[in-house]
Amino acid sequence: MAVTFTVVACSSQTSGNSGASGGVEKKETVKVSLFSWPGYGFWFIAKEKNLVPELDLDISIIEDPYESFNLMSSGQLDATSSTVEYGPIAVDKDVPVKLVSYTNPSYGTDRIILSPQIKDPSELKGKKVAVLEGGLTQIYMGIWLEENGVNFKDVEFTNVIMDDAVAAMLSGEVAAGEFWEPFGTQVLEGLEGARAVTSSSEDFWIKTALLGDGMYMSESLLNDRPEAAKLLMKAYFEAVTFWKENPEEGNKIIAEGLKFDVKDVENVIGADGEIYKGGIAVFDLEEASKFMGLAEGEPPLGMKNGQIRDHWDLTSEWWMKFGLVEEKAEPEAGIAFEPMKSLLAEQ
């Protein structure tokens, strides 16, 4: 797949908007990115419904999350939605980006698929497998291999984005790969004999909460504009609340923002605003704050309060195995809890 890169438009920090009285209200501009994934589409609802009137959300679609992190480092972007494993790498590489919230676990949309020729995991030794190196898919594959008696060093990781991974599977270039929807279905339908051998909805993976998404903010936003950081988080979770109460309208807004069919949105986040087995479990503020250990009680799906710390340890361990992180840092080095704390204080 050709990587789509949408250049973040330059804009002033504030913009004028005509208020009901005919005067001009100042709205603070915050630049947010996401890649084309329904689980990140709540930003479009926040903007469409003007859920936090103090903010002007400048939303860009950037398909490569590392491009987003680079733009955040250079001050051209304030926040992004991406998978949740990047924090330890950011700390190790001194990237001025911090995780601020876990937003949803995968609940069946991610699967590992083997080509028809592979009858047993041991047959993957010496073969190529498709993952996005430096992303959750690599850790997912590494753990699955080791759980099935194959050292991750015994396979050759092929670094490809999802469209290219599908092509690599269909052509026989790789013997296995990690796929999320709708790409997993494309492989299973396009390659006779291919089979899924594990899914993120299985208890083993849900307990780890490994496969999930998060929200990141730049240190400049967190340090220099903390009120905007809090309001940005508020905008996201207000959008989740709106979607839960109005799933049909919410899914339509997300589909229009991503230029997806509504059906493709429903296949990931569901059609009724509830936890969707086979897709993802969208967390509202209460559920996310429990996962982050900032509110009492347990998150859904048997996860535990404050599980973000276990997640940090697990991803750090695997980044060290893969050589992407030299030493494990404490969660506080890469997670900023203050925006959520401030938002919860207002509830």
C-alpha atoms as a PDB file:
ATOM      1  CA  MET A   1       0.000   0.000   0.000  1.00  0.00           C
ATOM      2  CA  ALA A   2       1.309   3.411  -0.883  1.00  0.00           C
ATOM      3  CA  VAL A   3       1.762   5.314   2.323  1.00  0.00           C
ATOM      4  CA  THR A   4      -0.597   8.229   2.429  1.00  0.00           C
ATOM      5  CA  PHE A   5       0.995  11.213   4.053  1.00  0.00           C
ATOM      6  CA  THR A   6      -1.163  14.175   4.743  1.00  0.00           C
ATOM      7  CA  VAL A   7       0.870  17.238   5.469  1.00  0.00           C
ATOM      8  CA  VAL A   8      -0.303  18.979   8.547  1.00  0.00           C
ATOM      9  CA  ALA A   9      -1.558  22.358   7.507  1.00  0.00           C
ATOM     10  CA  CYS A  10       0.096  25.309   9.133  1.00  0.00           C
ATOM     11  CA  SER A  11      -2.266  27.292  11.251  1.00  0.00           C
ATOM     12  CA  SER A  12      -2.083  29.800  14.008  1.00  0.00           C
ATOM     13  CA  GLN A  13      -2.494  28.686  17.581  1.00  0.00           C
ATOM     14  CA  THR A  14      -5.793  30.474  17.804  1.00  0.00           C
ATOM     15  CA  SER A  15      -8.506  31.041  15.279  1.00  0.00           C
ATOM     16  CA  GLY A  16     -11.471  33.325  15.244  1.00  0.00           C
ATOM     17  CA  ASN A  17     -15.016  32.019  15.032  1.00  0.00           C
ATOM     18  CA  SER A  18     -18.206  34.005  15.037  1.00  0.00           C
ATOM     19  CA  GLY A  19     -20.152  33.458  18.222  1.00  0.00           C
ATOM     20  CA  ALA A  20     -23.941  33.577  18.613  1.00  0.00           C
ATOM     21  CA  SER A  21     -23.721  37.181  19.721  1.00  0.00           C
ATOM     22  CA  GLY A  22     -21.918  38.151  16.550  1.00  0.00           C
ATOM     23  CA  GLY A  23     -18.626  38.597  18.396  1.00  0.00           C
ATOM     24  CA  VAL A  24     -15.486  36.608  17.857  1.00  0.00           C
ATOM     25  CA  GLU A  25     -14.604  33.717  20.143  1.00  0.00           C
ATOM     26  CA  LYS A  26     -11.050  32.540  20.353  1.00  0.00           C
ATOM     27  CA  LYS A  27     -10.601  28.813  19.937  1.00  0.00           C
ATOM     28  CA  GLU A  28      -7.269  27.183  20.614  1.00  0.00           C
ATOM     29  CA  THR A  29      -6.070  25.044  17.748  1.00  0.00           C
ATOM     30  CA  VAL A  30      -4.786  21.580  18.564  1.00  0.00           C
ATOM     31  CA  LYS A  31      -3.317  19.417  15.816  1.00  0.00           C
ATOM     32  CA  VAL A  32      -4.194  15.737  15.984  1.00  0.00           C
ATOM     33  CA  SER A  33      -3.346  12.842  13.708  1.00  0.00           C
ATOM     34  CA  LEU A  34      -4.549   9.305  13.248  1.00  0.00           C
ATOM     35  CA  PHE A  35      -4.131   6.633  10.643  1.00  0.00           C
ATOM     36  CA  SER A  36      -7.062   5.130   8.793  1.00  0.00           C
ATOM     37  CA  TRP A  37      -8.559   2.950  11.480  1.00  0.00           C
ATOM     38  CA  PRO A  38     -12.106   3.183  12.881  1.00  0.00           C
ATOM     39  CA  GLY A  39     -10.821   2.856  16.435  1.00  0.00           C
ATOM     40  CA  TYR A  40      -9.214   6.261  16.057  1.00  0.00           C
ATOM     41  CA  GLY A  41     -12.165   7.930  14.344  1.00  0.00           C
ATOM     42  CA  PHE A  42     -13.685   9.480  17.469  1.00  0.00           C
ATOM     43  CA  TRP A  43     -11.756  12.671  16.770  1.00  0.00           C
ATOM     44  CA  PHE A  44     -14.072  13.251  13.808  1.00  0.00           C
ATOM     45  CA  ILE A  45     -17.096  13.041  16.109  1.00  0.00           C
ATOM     46  CA  ALA A  46     -15.518  15.497  18.543  1.00  0.00           C
ATOM     47  CA  LYS A  47     -14.957  17.982  15.726  1.00  0.00           C
ATOM     48  CA  GLU A  48     -18.270  17.468  13.932  1.00  0.00           C
ATOM     49  CA  LYS A  49     -20.289  17.859  17.137  1.00  0.00           C
ATOM     50  CA  ASN A  50     -18.061  20.614  18.551  1.00  0.00           C
ATOM     51  CA  LEU A  51     -17.994  18.712  21.815  1.00  0.00           C
ATOM     52  CA  VAL A  52     -15.351  20.957  23.367  1.00  0.00           C
ATOM     53  CA  PRO A  53     -16.045  24.444  21.981  1.00  0.00           C
ATOM     54  CA  GLU A  54     -12.802  25.826  23.397  1.00  0.00           C
ATOM     55  CA  LEU A  55     -10.769  23.793  20.890  1.00  0.00           C
ATOM     56  CA  ASP A  56     -10.383  23.867  17.123  1.00  0.00           C
ATOM     57  CA  LEU A  57      -9.347  20.334  16.198  1.00  0.00           C
ATOM     58  CA  ASP A  58      -7.025  20.259  13.196  1.00  0.00           C
ATOM     59  CA  ILE A  59      -7.211  16.577  12.209  1.00  0.00           C
ATOM     60  CA  SER A  60      -4.814  14.899   9.785  1.00  0.00           C
ATOM     61  CA  ILE A  61      -4.669  11.341   8.518  1.00  0.00           C
ATOM     62  CA  ILE A  62      -1.078  10.096   8.543  1.00  0.00           C
ATOM     63  CA  GLU A  63      -0.714   6.409   7.780  1.00  0.00           C
ATOM     64  CA  ASP A  64       2.749   5.974   9.288  1.00  0.00           C
ATOM     65  CA  PRO A  65       2.654   6.482  13.083  1.00  0.00           C
ATOM     66  CA  TYR A  66       6.392   7.137  13.132  1.00  0.00           C
ATOM     67  CA  GLU A  67       5.771  10.139  10.877  1.00  0.00           C
ATOM     68  CA  SER A  68       3.322  11.403  13.481  1.00  0.00           C
ATOM     69  CA  PHE A  69       5.838  10.947  16.280  1.00  0.00           C
ATOM     70  CA  ASN A  70       8.467  12.794  14.254  1.00  0.00           C
ATOM     71  CA  LEU A  71       6.056  15.672  13.632  1.00  0.00           C
ATOM     72  CA  MET A  72       5.241  15.785  17.334  1.00  0.00           C
ATOM     73  CA  SER A  73       8.955  15.948  18.104  1.00  0.00           C
ATOM     74  CA  SER A  74       9.419  18.901  15.781  1.00  0.00           C
ATOM     75  CA  GLY A  75       6.440  20.825  17.137  1.00  0.00           C
ATOM     76  CA  GLN A  76       4.265  20.396  14.047  1.00  0.00           C
ATOM     77  CA  LEU A  77       1.735  18.099  15.709  1.00  0.00           C
ATOM     78  CA  ASP A  78       0.290  18.008  19.241  1.00  0.00           C
ATOM     79  CA  ALA A  79      -1.238  14.568  19.623  1.00  0.00           C
ATOM     80  CA  THR A  80      -1.888  11.301  17.861  1.00  0.00           C
ATOM     81  CA  SER A  81      -3.862   8.105  18.225  1.00  0.00           C
ATOM     82  CA  SER A  82      -1.800   4.987  17.652  1.00  0.00           C
ATOM     83  CA  THR A  83      -1.110   1.549  19.057  1.00  0.00           C
ATOM     84  CA  VAL A  84      -0.067   1.579  22.668  1.00  0.00           C
ATOM     85  CA  GLU A  85       3.419   0.060  22.635  1.00  0.00           C
ATOM     86  CA  TYR A  86       5.506   3.102  21.650  1.00  0.00           C
ATOM     87  CA  GLY A  87       6.098   4.630  25.104  1.00  0.00           C
ATOM     88  CA  PRO A  88       9.204   2.620  26.081  1.00  0.00           C
ATOM     89  CA  ILE A  89      10.802   3.338  22.700  1.00  0.00           C
ATOM     90  CA  ALA A  90      10.095   7.056  23.066  1.00  0.00           C
ATOM     91  CA  VAL A  91      11.815   7.092  26.461  1.00  0.00           C
ATOM     92  CA  ASP A  92      14.823   5.126  25.219  1.00  0.00           C
ATOM     93  CA  LYS A  93      15.283   7.354  22.164  1.00  0.00           C
ATOM     94  CA  ASP A  94      14.558  10.643  23.999  1.00  0.00           C
ATOM     95  CA  VAL A  95      11.542  11.350  21.817  1.00  0.00           C
ATOM     96  CA  PRO A  96       9.463  14.123  23.475  1.00  0.00           C
ATOM     97  CA  VAL A  97       6.196  12.199  23.243  1.00  0.00           C
ATOM     98  CA  LYS A  98       4.234  10.596  26.078  1.00  0.00           C
ATOM     99  CA  LEU A  99       1.375   8.140  26.297  1.00  0.00           C
ATOM    100  CA  VAL A 100      -1.585   9.730  28.088  1.00  0.00           C
ATOM    101  CA  SER A 101      -4.281   7.038  27.876  1.00  0.00           C
ATOM    102  CA  TYR A 102      -5.001   3.477  26.861  1.00  0.00           C
ATOM    103  CA  THR A 103      -8.142   3.792  24.739  1.00  0.00           C
ATOM    104  CA  ASN A 104      -9.193   0.264  23.725  1.00  0.00           C
ATOM    105  CA  PRO A 105      -8.056  -3.353  23.633  1.00  0.00           C
ATOM    106  CA  SER A 106      -8.322  -5.422  20.478  1.00  0.00           C
ATOM    107  CA  TYR A 107     -11.059  -8.005  20.987  1.00  0.00           C
ATOM    108  CA  GLY A 108     -10.747 -10.250  17.979  1.00  0.00           C
ATOM    109  CA  THR A 109      -9.788  -7.969  15.119  1.00  0.00           C
ATOM    110  CA  ASP A 110      -6.138  -9.104  15.235  1.00  0.00           C
ATOM    111  CA  ARG A 111      -5.203 -12.593  14.094  1.00  0.00           C
ATOM    112  CA  ILE A 112      -2.081 -14.554  13.183  1.00  0.00           C
ATOM    113  CA  ILE A 113      -2.566 -16.420   9.916  1.00  0.00           C
ATOM    114  CA  LEU A 114      -0.449 -19.225   8.484  1.00  0.00           C
ATOM    115  CA  SER A 115      -0.054 -20.019   4.806  1.00  0.00           C
ATOM    116  CA  PRO A 116      -1.461 -23.353   3.562  1.00  0.00           C
ATOM    117  CA  GLN A 117       1.986 -24.975   3.483  1.00  0.00           C
ATOM    118  CA  ILE A 118       2.574 -24.463   7.222  1.00  0.00           C
ATOM    119  CA  LYS A 119       0.953 -27.260   9.197  1.00  0.00           C
ATOM    120  CA  ASP A 120       2.785 -26.686  12.482  1.00  0.00           C
ATOM    121  CA  PRO A 121       4.435 -23.599  14.033  1.00  0.00           C
ATOM    122  CA  SER A 122       7.792 -25.412  14.060  1.00  0.00           C
ATOM    123  CA  GLU A 123       7.736 -25.332  10.260  1.00  0.00           C
ATOM    124  CA  LEU A 124       8.125 -21.529  10.418  1.00  0.00           C
ATOM    125  CA  LYS A 125      11.809 -21.865  11.390  1.00  0.00           C
ATOM    126  CA  GLY A 126      13.884 -20.191   8.715  1.00  0.00           C
ATOM    127  CA  LYS A 127      10.771 -18.758   7.025  1.00  0.00           C
ATOM    128  CA  LYS A 128       9.690 -15.147   6.536  1.00  0.00           C
ATOM    129  CA  VAL A 129       6.789 -13.778   8.587  1.00  0.00           C
ATOM    130  CA  ALA A 130       5.085 -10.446   7.996  1.00  0.00           C
ATOM    131  CA  VAL A 131       4.945  -7.905  10.828  1.00  0.00           C
ATOM    132  CA  LEU A 132       5.328  -4.182  11.290  1.00  0.00           C
ATOM    133  CA  GLU A 133       8.708  -4.054  13.005  1.00  0.00           C
ATOM    134  CA  GLY A 134       8.664  -1.751  15.992  1.00  0.00           C
ATOM    135  CA  GLY A 135       4.916  -2.219  16.305  1.00  0.00           C
ATOM    136  CA  LEU A 136       2.581  -4.391  18.322  1.00  0.00           C
ATOM    137  CA  THR A 137       2.340  -6.952  15.544  1.00  0.00           C
ATOM    138  CA  GLN A 138       5.982  -7.874  16.080  1.00  0.00           C
ATOM    139  CA  ILE A 139       5.495  -8.458  19.812  1.00  0.00           C
ATOM    140  CA  TYR A 140       2.262 -10.379  19.165  1.00  0.00           C
ATOM    141  CA  MET A 141       4.079 -12.671  16.728  1.00  0.00           C
ATOM    142  CA  GLY A 142       7.101 -13.039  19.023  1.00  0.00           C
ATOM    143  CA  ILE A 143       5.009 -14.129  21.996  1.00  0.00           C
ATOM    144  CA  TRP A 144       2.911 -16.492  19.891  1.00  0.00           C
ATOM    145  CA  LEU A 145       6.015 -18.118  18.448  1.00  0.00           C
ATOM    146  CA  GLU A 146       7.542 -18.663  21.873  1.00  0.00           C
ATOM    147  CA  GLU A 147       4.258 -19.986  23.261  1.00  0.00           C
ATOM    148  CA  ASN A 148       4.413 -22.551  20.446  1.00  0.00           C
ATOM    149  CA  GLY A 149       8.010 -23.567  20.996  1.00  0.00           C
ATOM    150  CA  VAL A 150       9.684 -21.421  18.330  1.00  0.00           C
ATOM    151  CA  ASN A 151      12.316 -18.855  19.267  1.00  0.00           C
ATOM    152  CA  PHE A 152      11.516 -15.551  17.578  1.00  0.00           C
ATOM    153  CA  LYS A 153      15.120 -15.446  16.357  1.00  0.00           C
ATOM    154  CA  ASP A 154      14.459 -18.560  14.271  1.00  0.00           C
ATOM    155  CA  VAL A 155      12.160 -16.717  11.862  1.00  0.00           C
ATOM    156  CA  GLU A 156      12.891 -13.811   9.541  1.00  0.00           C
ATOM    157  CA  PHE A 157      10.686 -10.810  10.228  1.00  0.00           C
ATOM    158  CA  THR A 158       9.600  -8.982   7.082  1.00  0.00           C
ATOM    159  CA  ASN A 159       8.708  -5.365   7.816  1.00  0.00           C
ATOM    160  CA  VAL A 160       5.595  -4.487   5.826  1.00  0.00           C
ATOM    161  CA  ILE A 161       2.498  -2.378   6.280  1.00  0.00           C
ATOM    162  CA  MET A 162      -0.835  -4.146   6.120  1.00  0.00           C
ATOM    163  CA  ASP A 163      -1.705  -3.944   2.419  1.00  0.00           C
ATOM    164  CA  ASP A 164       1.771  -5.157   1.522  1.00  0.00           C
ATOM    165  CA  ALA A 165       1.502  -7.941   4.094  1.00  0.00           C
ATOM    166  CA  VAL A 166      -1.629  -9.207   2.373  1.00  0.00           C
ATOM    167  CA  ALA A 167       0.142  -9.187  -0.981  1.00  0.00           C
ATOM    168  CA  ALA A 168       3.132 -10.980   0.531  1.00  0.00           C
ATOM    169  CA  MET A 169       0.901 -13.727   1.908  1.00  0.00           C
ATOM    170  CA  LEU A 170      -1.080 -14.163  -1.291  1.00  0.00           C
ATOM    171  CA  SER A 171       2.101 -14.354  -3.375  1.00  0.00           C
ATOM    172  CA  GLY A 172       3.801 -16.815  -1.039  1.00  0.00           C
ATOM    173  CA  GLU A 173       6.585 -14.381  -0.167  1.00  0.00           C
ATOM    174  CA  VAL A 174       5.918 -14.892   3.556  1.00  0.00           C
ATOM    175  CA  ALA A 175       4.741 -17.995   5.385  1.00  0.00           C
ATOM    176  CA  ALA A 176       2.746 -16.236   8.092  1.00  0.00           C
ATOM    177  CA  GLY A 177       1.702 -12.820   9.236  1.00  0.00           C
ATOM    178  CA  GLU A 178      -0.288 -10.766  11.718  1.00  0.00           C
ATOM    179  CA  PHE A 179      -3.413  -9.146  10.279  1.00  0.00           C
ATOM    180  CA  TRP A 180      -6.200  -6.958  11.561  1.00  0.00           C
ATOM    181  CA  GLU A 181      -9.521  -6.449   9.851  1.00  0.00           C
ATOM    182  CA  PRO A 182     -10.415  -6.192   7.053  1.00  0.00           C
ATOM    183  CA  PHE A 183      -7.002  -7.499   5.959  1.00  0.00           C
ATOM    184  CA  GLY A 184      -7.247 -10.821   7.796  1.00  0.00           C
ATOM    185  CA  THR A 185     -10.430 -11.662   5.966  1.00  0.00           C
ATOM    186  CA  GLN A 186      -8.797 -10.673   2.667  1.00  0.00           C
ATOM    187  CA  VAL A 187      -6.048 -13.243   3.276  1.00  0.00           C
ATOM    188  CA  LEU A 188      -8.397 -16.005   4.378  1.00  0.00           C
ATOM    189  CA  GLU A 189     -10.709 -15.439   1.419  1.00  0.00           C
ATOM    190  CA  GLY A 190      -7.931 -14.953  -1.111  1.00  0.00           C
ATOM    191  CA  LEU A 191      -5.613 -17.793  -0.120  1.00  0.00           C
ATOM    192  CA  GLU A 192      -7.250 -21.205  -0.045  1.00  0.00           C
ATOM    193  CA  GLY A 193      -6.027 -23.278   2.841  1.00  0.00           C
ATOM    194  CA  ALA A 194      -4.739 -20.325   4.893  1.00  0.00           C
ATOM    195  CA  ARG A 195      -5.853 -20.493   8.516  1.00  0.00           C
ATOM    196  CA  ALA A 196      -5.983 -18.256  11.553  1.00  0.00           C
ATOM    197  CA  VAL A 197      -4.234 -19.877  14.502  1.00  0.00           C
ATOM    198  CA  THR A 198      -4.900 -17.284  17.185  1.00  0.00           C
ATOM    199  CA  SER A 199      -7.102 -14.246  17.769  1.00  0.00           C
ATOM    200  CA  SER A 200      -6.856 -11.259  20.099  1.00  0.00           C
ATOM    201  CA  SER A 201     -10.217 -12.213  21.642  1.00  0.00           C
ATOM    202  CA  GLU A 202      -8.689 -15.284  23.283  1.00  0.00           C
ATOM    203  CA  ASP A 203      -8.369 -15.111  27.059  1.00  0.00           C
ATOM    204  CA  PHE A 204      -4.583 -15.343  26.919  1.00  0.00           C
ATOM    205  CA  TRP A 205      -4.315 -12.118  24.910  1.00  0.00           C
ATOM    206  CA  ILE A 206      -7.121 -10.262  26.667  1.00  0.00           C
ATOM    207  CA  LYS A 207      -5.433 -10.875  30.028  1.00  0.00           C
ATOM    208  CA  THR A 208      -2.267  -9.234  28.754  1.00  0.00           C
ATOM    209  CA  ALA A 209      -4.175  -6.322  27.155  1.00  0.00           C
ATOM    210  CA  LEU A 210      -1.172  -6.331  24.823  1.00  0.00           C
ATOM    211  CA  LEU A 211      -3.048  -5.519  21.652  1.00  0.00           C
ATOM    212  CA  GLY A 212      -4.606  -2.116  22.069  1.00  0.00           C
ATOM    213  CA  ASP A 213      -4.599   1.540  21.149  1.00  0.00           C
ATOM    214  CA  GLY A 214      -3.610   4.657  22.975  1.00  0.00           C
ATOM    215  CA  MET A 215      -3.462   8.421  22.886  1.00  0.00           C
ATOM    216  CA  TYR A 216      -0.140  10.256  22.796  1.00  0.00           C
ATOM    217  CA  MET A 217       0.664  13.909  23.359  1.00  0.00           C
ATOM    218  CA  SER A 218       3.789  15.936  22.715  1.00  0.00           C
ATOM    219  CA  GLU A 219       5.743  17.166  25.687  1.00  0.00           C
ATOM    220  CA  SER A 220       5.335  20.715  24.408  1.00  0.00           C
ATOM    221  CA  LEU A 221       1.549  20.386  24.604  1.00  0.00           C
ATOM    222  CA  LEU A 222       1.734  18.742  28.031  1.00  0.00           C
ATOM    223  CA  ASN A 223       4.199  21.223  29.498  1.00  0.00           C
ATOM    224  CA  ASP A 224       3.327  24.488  27.763  1.00  0.00           C
ATOM    225  CA  ARG A 225      -0.441  24.102  27.242  1.00  0.00           C
ATOM    226  CA  PRO A 226      -1.726  21.783  29.988  1.00  0.00           C
ATOM    227  CA  GLU A 227      -5.270  23.170  29.817  1.00  0.00           C
ATOM    228  CA  ALA A 228      -5.409  22.369  26.105  1.00  0.00           C
ATOM    229  CA  ALA A 229      -4.074  18.881  26.819  1.00  0.00           C
ATOM    230  CA  LYS A 230      -6.863  18.283  29.329  1.00  0.00           C
ATOM    231  CA  LEU A 231      -9.491  19.665  26.949  1.00  0.00           C
ATOM    232  CA  LEU A 232      -8.169  17.495  24.128  1.00  0.00           C
ATOM    233  CA  MET A 233      -8.581  14.387  26.230  1.00  0.00           C
ATOM    234  CA  LYS A 234     -12.042  15.612  27.175  1.00  0.00           C
ATOM    235  CA  ALA A 235     -12.918  16.001  23.487  1.00  0.00           C
ATOM    236  CA  TYR A 236     -11.940  12.407  22.749  1.00  0.00           C
ATOM    237  CA  PHE A 237     -13.892  10.863  25.615  1.00  0.00           C
ATOM    238  CA  GLU A 238     -16.911  13.119  25.043  1.00  0.00           C
ATOM    239  CA  ALA A 239     -16.908  11.721  21.507  1.00  0.00           C
ATOM    240  CA  VAL A 240     -16.859   8.164  22.852  1.00  0.00           C
ATOM    241  CA  THR A 241     -19.838   9.018  25.061  1.00  0.00           C
ATOM    242  CA  PHE A 242     -21.683  10.485  22.086  1.00  0.00           C
ATOM    243  CA  TRP A 243     -20.933   7.359  20.040  1.00  0.00           C
ATOM    244  CA  LYS A 244     -22.181   5.044  22.776  1.00  0.00           C
ATOM    245  CA  GLU A 245     -25.463   6.968  22.907  1.00  0.00           C
ATOM    246  CA  ASN A 246     -25.741   7.488  19.146  1.00  0.00           C
ATOM    247  CA  PRO A 247     -23.837   4.628  17.481  1.00  0.00           C
ATOM    248  CA  GLU A 248     -25.505   4.877  14.089  1.00  0.00           C
ATOM    249  CA  GLU A 249     -24.805   8.592  13.709  1.00  0.00           C
ATOM    250  CA  GLY A 250     -21.361   8.243  15.270  1.00  0.00           C
ATOM    251  CA  ASN A 251     -20.338   5.469  12.895  1.00  0.00           C
ATOM    252  CA  LYS A 252     -21.538   7.533   9.949  1.00  0.00           C
ATOM    253  CA  ILE A 253     -19.386  10.490  11.020  1.00  0.00           C
ATOM    254  CA  ILE A 254     -16.351   8.232  11.457  1.00  0.00           C
ATOM    255  CA  ALA A 255     -16.947   6.606   8.068  1.00  0.00           C
ATOM    256  CA  GLU A 256     -17.143   9.998   6.366  1.00  0.00           C
ATOM    257  CA  GLY A 257     -13.964  11.165   8.104  1.00  0.00           C
ATOM    258  CA  LEU A 258     -12.015   8.073   7.105  1.00  0.00           C
ATOM    259  CA  LYS A 259     -13.703   7.718   3.706  1.00  0.00           C
ATOM    260  CA  PHE A 260     -14.727   4.188   4.694  1.00  0.00           C
ATOM    261  CA  ASP A 261     -18.000   2.391   4.184  1.00  0.00           C
ATOM    262  CA  VAL A 262     -20.088   2.379   7.359  1.00  0.00           C
ATOM    263  CA  LYS A 263     -20.006  -1.413   7.267  1.00  0.00           C
ATOM    264  CA  ASP A 264     -16.205  -1.368   7.512  1.00  0.00           C
ATOM    265  CA  VAL A 265     -16.457   0.880  10.562  1.00  0.00           C
ATOM    266  CA  GLU A 266     -19.022  -1.411  12.176  1.00  0.00           C
ATOM    267  CA  ASN A 267     -16.760  -4.404  11.531  1.00  0.00           C
ATOM    268  CA  VAL A 268     -14.195  -2.871  13.866  1.00  0.00           C
ATOM    269  CA  ILE A 269     -16.088  -0.904  16.546  1.00  0.00           C
ATOM    270  CA  GLY A 270     -19.543  -2.486  16.256  1.00  0.00           C
ATOM    271  CA  ALA A 271     -22.964  -1.077  15.503  1.00  0.00           C
ATOM    272  CA  ASP A 272     -24.509  -0.669  18.945  1.00  0.00           C
ATOM    273  CA  GLY A 273     -21.985   1.277  21.029  1.00  0.00           C
ATOM    274  CA  GLU A 274     -21.134  -1.778  23.117  1.00  0.00           C
ATOM    275  CA  ILE A 275     -17.999  -3.908  23.431  1.00  0.00           C
ATOM    276  CA  TYR A 276     -17.691  -5.684  20.107  1.00  0.00           C
ATOM    277  CA  LYS A 277     -16.257  -9.213  20.101  1.00  0.00           C
ATOM    278  CA  GLY A 278     -14.540  -9.698  16.773  1.00  0.00           C
ATOM    279  CA  GLY A 279     -13.443  -6.052  16.733  1.00  0.00           C
ATOM    280  CA  ILE A 280     -12.330  -3.821  19.598  1.00  0.00           C
ATOM    281  CA  ALA A 281     -13.656  -2.777  23.009  1.00  0.00           C
ATOM    282  CA  VAL A 282     -13.881   1.008  23.007  1.00  0.00           C
ATOM    283  CA  PHE A 283     -13.170   2.383  26.491  1.00  0.00           C
ATOM    284  CA  ASP A 284     -14.998   5.417  27.836  1.00  0.00           C
ATOM    285  CA  LEU A 285     -13.326   7.732  30.338  1.00  0.00           C
ATOM    286  CA  GLU A 286     -14.346   5.662  33.344  1.00  0.00           C
ATOM    287  CA  GLU A 287     -13.044   2.426  31.843  1.00  0.00           C
ATOM    288  CA  ALA A 288      -9.826   3.991  30.599  1.00  0.00           C
ATOM    289  CA  SER A 289      -9.128   5.674  33.925  1.00  0.00           C
ATOM    290  CA  LYS A 290      -9.474   2.331  35.714  1.00  0.00           C
ATOM    291  CA  PHE A 291      -7.023   0.757  33.276  1.00  0.00           C
ATOM    292  CA  MET A 292      -4.643   3.648  33.900  1.00  0.00           C
ATOM    293  CA  GLY A 293      -5.018   3.188  37.678  1.00  0.00           C
ATOM    294  CA  LEU A 294      -6.535   6.618  38.230  1.00  0.00           C
ATOM    295  CA  ALA A 295     -10.035   5.556  39.291  1.00  0.00           C
ATOM    296  CA  GLU A 296     -11.304   2.817  41.541  1.00  0.00           C
ATOM    297  CA  GLY A 297     -12.693  -0.409  40.154  1.00  0.00           C
ATOM    298  CA  GLU A 298     -11.791  -2.864  37.437  1.00  0.00           C
ATOM    299  CA  PRO A 299     -11.853  -2.280  33.668  1.00  0.00           C
ATOM    300  CA  PRO A 300     -13.967  -4.563  31.432  1.00  0.00           C
ATOM    301  CA  LEU A 301     -13.022  -8.019  30.133  1.00  0.00           C
ATOM    302  CA  GLY A 302     -11.334  -9.167  33.318  1.00  0.00           C
ATOM    303  CA  MET A 303      -8.533  -6.636  33.128  1.00  0.00           C
ATOM    304  CA  LYS A 304      -7.182  -5.187  36.336  1.00  0.00           C
ATOM    305  CA  ASN A 305      -6.941  -1.733  37.775  1.00  0.00           C
ATOM    306  CA  GLY A 306      -3.718  -0.031  36.777  1.00  0.00           C
ATOM    307  CA  GLN A 307      -2.889  -2.664  34.169  1.00  0.00           C
ATOM    308  CA  ILE A 308      -1.083  -0.070  32.088  1.00  0.00           C
ATOM    309  CA  ARG A 309       1.953  -0.699  34.298  1.00  0.00           C
ATOM    310  CA  ASP A 310       1.982  -4.408  33.445  1.00  0.00           C
ATOM    311  CA  HIS A 311       1.554  -3.487  29.808  1.00  0.00           C
ATOM    312  CA  TRP A 312       4.522  -1.151  30.038  1.00  0.00           C
ATOM    313  CA  ASP A 313       6.657  -3.906  31.570  1.00  0.00           C
ATOM    314  CA  LEU A 314       5.626  -6.453  28.928  1.00  0.00           C
ATOM    315  CA  THR A 315       6.297  -4.199  25.958  1.00  0.00           C
ATOM    316  CA  SER A 316       9.576  -2.983  27.464  1.00  0.00           C
ATOM    317  CA  GLU A 317      10.725  -6.577  27.909  1.00  0.00           C
ATOM    318  CA  TRP A 318      10.029  -7.370  24.264  1.00  0.00           C
ATOM    319  CA  TRP A 319      11.575  -4.189  22.917  1.00  0.00           C
ATOM    320  CA  MET A 320      14.719  -5.142  24.805  1.00  0.00           C
ATOM    321  CA  LYS A 321      14.606  -8.617  23.212  1.00  0.00           C
ATOM    322  CA  PHE A 322      14.260  -7.050  19.776  1.00  0.00           C
ATOM    323  CA  GLY A 323      17.073  -4.601  20.493  1.00  0.00           C
ATOM    324  CA  LEU A 324      14.927  -1.501  20.172  1.00  0.00           C
ATOM    325  CA  VAL A 325      15.314  -0.498  23.832  1.00  0.00           C
ATOM    326  CA  GLU A 326      18.545  -0.729  25.803  1.00  0.00           C
ATOM    327  CA  GLU A 327      17.138  -0.733  29.317  1.00  0.00           C
ATOM    328  CA  LYS A 328      13.755  -0.719  30.974  1.00  0.00           C
ATOM    329  CA  ALA A 329      12.449   2.607  32.221  1.00  0.00           C
ATOM    330  CA  GLU A 330       9.763   3.190  34.823  1.00  0.00           C
ATOM    331  CA  PRO A 331       6.265   3.895  33.467  1.00  0.00           C
ATOM    332  CA  GLU A 332       6.344   7.457  34.780  1.00  0.00           C
ATOM    333  CA  ALA A 333       9.175   8.195  32.343  1.00  0.00           C
ATOM    334  CA  GLY A 334       6.903   7.673  29.356  1.00  0.00           C
ATOM    335  CA  ILE A 335       3.353   8.049  30.620  1.00  0.00           C
ATOM    336  CA  ALA A 336       1.819  11.417  31.485  1.00  0.00           C
ATOM    337  CA  PHE A 337      -1.083  10.896  33.880  1.00  0.00           C
ATOM    338  CA  GLU A 338      -1.822  14.585  34.506  1.00  0.00           C
ATOM    339  CA  PRO A 339      -4.328  15.279  31.690  1.00  0.00           C
ATOM    340  CA  MET A 340      -6.530  12.404  32.835  1.00  0.00           C
ATOM    341  CA  LYS A 341      -6.140  13.348  36.503  1.00  0.00           C
ATOM    342  CA  SER A 342      -7.212  16.904  35.706  1.00  0.00           C
ATOM    343  CA  LEU A 343     -10.160  15.721  33.663  1.00  0.00           C
ATOM    344  CA  LEU A 344     -11.301  13.292  36.366  1.00  0.00           C
ATOM    345  CA  ALA A 345     -11.113  16.066  38.949  1.00  0.00           C
ATOM    346  CA  GLU A 346     -13.823  17.906  37.024  1.00  0.00           C
ATOM    347  CA  GLN A 347     -16.225  14.955  36.938  1.00  0.00           C
END
